[in-house]
Amino acid sequence: MLMNAPPRDETLSKKYAALCDAVRNAGSCVVAYSGGVDSTLLAVVARRELGDRAVAVLARSPSLASAELEGARRRATEL
């Protein structure tokens, strides 16, 4: 599904590798997950690099539509 292979573009590959290194070097992390592209990528990388030492959290607030909340929950479960 998401990021099954490194990006083909050399610049993107270097940036992706740097992201993986930074996450791995953190040792553990909490990702503020919104269900959007950015936080989804970070959550996937964190889980791959850190396993159970990474957790994604999603906060419910009045600014988050219930459909968006449910969509984010589904994506998180799939990932």
C-alpha atoms as a PDB file:
ATOM      1  CA  MET A   1       0.000   0.000   0.000  1.00  0.00           C
ATOM      2  CA  LEU A   2       1.814   3.123   1.191  1.00  0.00           C
ATOM      3  CA  MET A   3       5.551   3.362   0.622  1.00  0.00           C
ATOM      4  CA  ASN A   4       6.075  -0.307  -0.190  1.00  0.00           C
ATOM      5  CA  ALA A   5       9.165   0.740  -2.094  1.00  0.00           C
ATOM      6  CA  PRO A   6      11.460   3.749  -1.766  1.00  0.00           C
ATOM      7  CA  PRO A   7      10.693   6.653  -4.098  1.00  0.00           C
ATOM      8  CA  ARG A   8      12.271   6.333  -7.548  1.00  0.00           C
ATOM      9  CA  ASP A   9      13.454   9.925  -7.690  1.00  0.00           C
ATOM     10  CA  GLU A  10      16.970  10.252  -6.217  1.00  0.00           C
ATOM     11  CA  THR A  11      16.198  13.427  -4.270  1.00  0.00           C
ATOM     12  CA  LEU A  12      13.033  11.914  -2.799  1.00  0.00           C
ATOM     13  CA  SER A  13      14.915   8.723  -1.990  1.00  0.00           C
ATOM     14  CA  LYS A  14      17.502  10.704  -0.034  1.00  0.00           C
ATOM     15  CA  LYS A  15      14.826  12.634   1.833  1.00  0.00           C
ATOM     16  CA  TYR A  16      12.925   9.433   2.619  1.00  0.00           C
ATOM     17  CA  ALA A  17      16.121   7.787   3.891  1.00  0.00           C
ATOM     18  CA  ALA A  18      16.836  10.838   6.052  1.00  0.00           C
ATOM     19  CA  LEU A  19      13.317  10.665   7.488  1.00  0.00           C
ATOM     20  CA  CYS A  20      13.737   6.965   8.268  1.00  0.00           C
ATOM     21  CA  ASP A  21      17.098   7.654   9.933  1.00  0.00           C
ATOM     22  CA  ALA A  22      15.703  10.510  12.022  1.00  0.00           C
ATOM     23  CA  VAL A  23      12.765   8.426  13.211  1.00  0.00           C
ATOM     24  CA  ARG A  24      14.976   5.410  13.944  1.00  0.00           C
ATOM     25  CA  ASN A  25      17.428   7.589  15.880  1.00  0.00           C
ATOM     26  CA  ALA A  26      14.594   8.993  18.009  1.00  0.00           C
ATOM     27  CA  GLY A  27      14.230   5.577  19.616  1.00  0.00           C
ATOM     28  CA  SER A  28      10.492   6.037  20.234  1.00  0.00           C
ATOM     29  CA  CYS A  29       7.827   8.527  19.237  1.00  0.00           C
ATOM     30  CA  VAL A  30       4.233   9.667  19.384  1.00  0.00           C
ATOM     31  CA  VAL A  31       2.772  10.850  16.082  1.00  0.00           C
ATOM     32  CA  ALA A  32      -0.053  13.404  16.166  1.00  0.00           C
ATOM     33  CA  TYR A  33      -2.164  11.624  13.552  1.00  0.00           C
ATOM     34  CA  SER A  34      -4.810  13.535  11.613  1.00  0.00           C
ATOM     35  CA  GLY A  35      -5.441  11.067   8.809  1.00  0.00           C
ATOM     36  CA  GLY A  36      -3.855  13.417   6.277  1.00  0.00           C
ATOM     37  CA  VAL A  37      -0.974  12.619   3.965  1.00  0.00           C
ATOM     38  CA  ASP A  38       1.795  14.039   6.149  1.00  0.00           C
ATOM     39  CA  SER A  39       0.843  12.393   9.418  1.00  0.00           C
ATOM     40  CA  THR A  40      -0.002   9.118   7.655  1.00  0.00           C
ATOM     41  CA  LEU A  41       3.452   8.968   6.081  1.00  0.00           C
ATOM     42  CA  LEU A  42       5.099   9.743   9.410  1.00  0.00           C
ATOM     43  CA  ALA A  43       2.989   7.156  11.245  1.00  0.00           C
ATOM     44  CA  VAL A  44       3.850   4.464   8.695  1.00  0.00           C
ATOM     45  CA  VAL A  45       7.563   5.268   8.788  1.00  0.00           C
ATOM     46  CA  ALA A  46       7.535   5.367  12.596  1.00  0.00           C
ATOM     47  CA  ARG A  47       5.810   2.004  12.827  1.00  0.00           C
ATOM     48  CA  ARG A  48       8.210   0.420  10.328  1.00  0.00           C
ATOM     49  CA  GLU A  49      11.305   1.857  11.980  1.00  0.00           C
ATOM     50  CA  LEU A  50      10.298   1.606  15.635  1.00  0.00           C
ATOM     51  CA  GLY A  51       7.607  -1.063  15.824  1.00  0.00           C
ATOM     52  CA  ASP A  52       5.821  -0.983  19.179  1.00  0.00           C
ATOM     53  CA  ARG A  53       7.941   1.987  20.267  1.00  0.00           C
ATOM     54  CA  ALA A  54       5.834   4.208  17.980  1.00  0.00           C
ATOM     55  CA  VAL A  55       2.248   5.191  18.586  1.00  0.00           C
ATOM     56  CA  ALA A  56      -0.103   7.407  16.618  1.00  0.00           C
ATOM     57  CA  VAL A  57      -2.741   9.411  18.447  1.00  0.00           C
ATOM     58  CA  LEU A  58      -5.852  11.074  17.066  1.00  0.00           C
ATOM     59  CA  ALA A  59      -7.680  13.727  19.074  1.00  0.00           C
ATOM     60  CA  ARG A  60     -11.380  14.395  18.756  1.00  0.00           C
ATOM     61  CA  SER A  61     -12.294  18.076  18.639  1.00  0.00           C
ATOM     62  CA  PRO A  62     -15.131  20.271  17.378  1.00  0.00           C
ATOM     63  CA  SER A  63     -12.968  21.239  14.393  1.00  0.00           C
ATOM     64  CA  LEU A  64     -12.776  17.626  13.182  1.00  0.00           C
ATOM     65  CA  ALA A  65     -15.846  16.416  11.303  1.00  0.00           C
ATOM     66  CA  SER A  66     -17.115  13.015  12.438  1.00  0.00           C
ATOM     67  CA  ALA A  67     -16.695  11.613   8.910  1.00  0.00           C
ATOM     68  CA  GLU A  68     -13.041  12.703   8.923  1.00  0.00           C
ATOM     69  CA  LEU A  69     -12.539  11.119  12.331  1.00  0.00           C
ATOM     70  CA  GLU A  70     -13.985   7.815  11.147  1.00  0.00           C
ATOM     71  CA  GLY A  71     -11.936   7.935   7.940  1.00  0.00           C
ATOM     72  CA  ALA A  72      -8.759   8.557   9.918  1.00  0.00           C
ATOM     73  CA  ARG A  73      -9.597   5.678  12.261  1.00  0.00           C
ATOM     74  CA  ARG A  74     -10.152   3.320   9.307  1.00  0.00           C
ATOM     75  CA  ARG A  75      -6.853   4.310   7.687  1.00  0.00           C
ATOM     76  CA  ALA A  76      -4.987   3.891  10.952  1.00  0.00           C
ATOM     77  CA  THR A  77      -6.475   0.429  11.423  1.00  0.00           C
ATOM     78  CA  GLU A  78      -5.543  -0.572   7.865  1.00  0.00           C
ATOM     79  CA  LEU A  79      -1.981   0.660   8.310  1.00  0.00           C
END
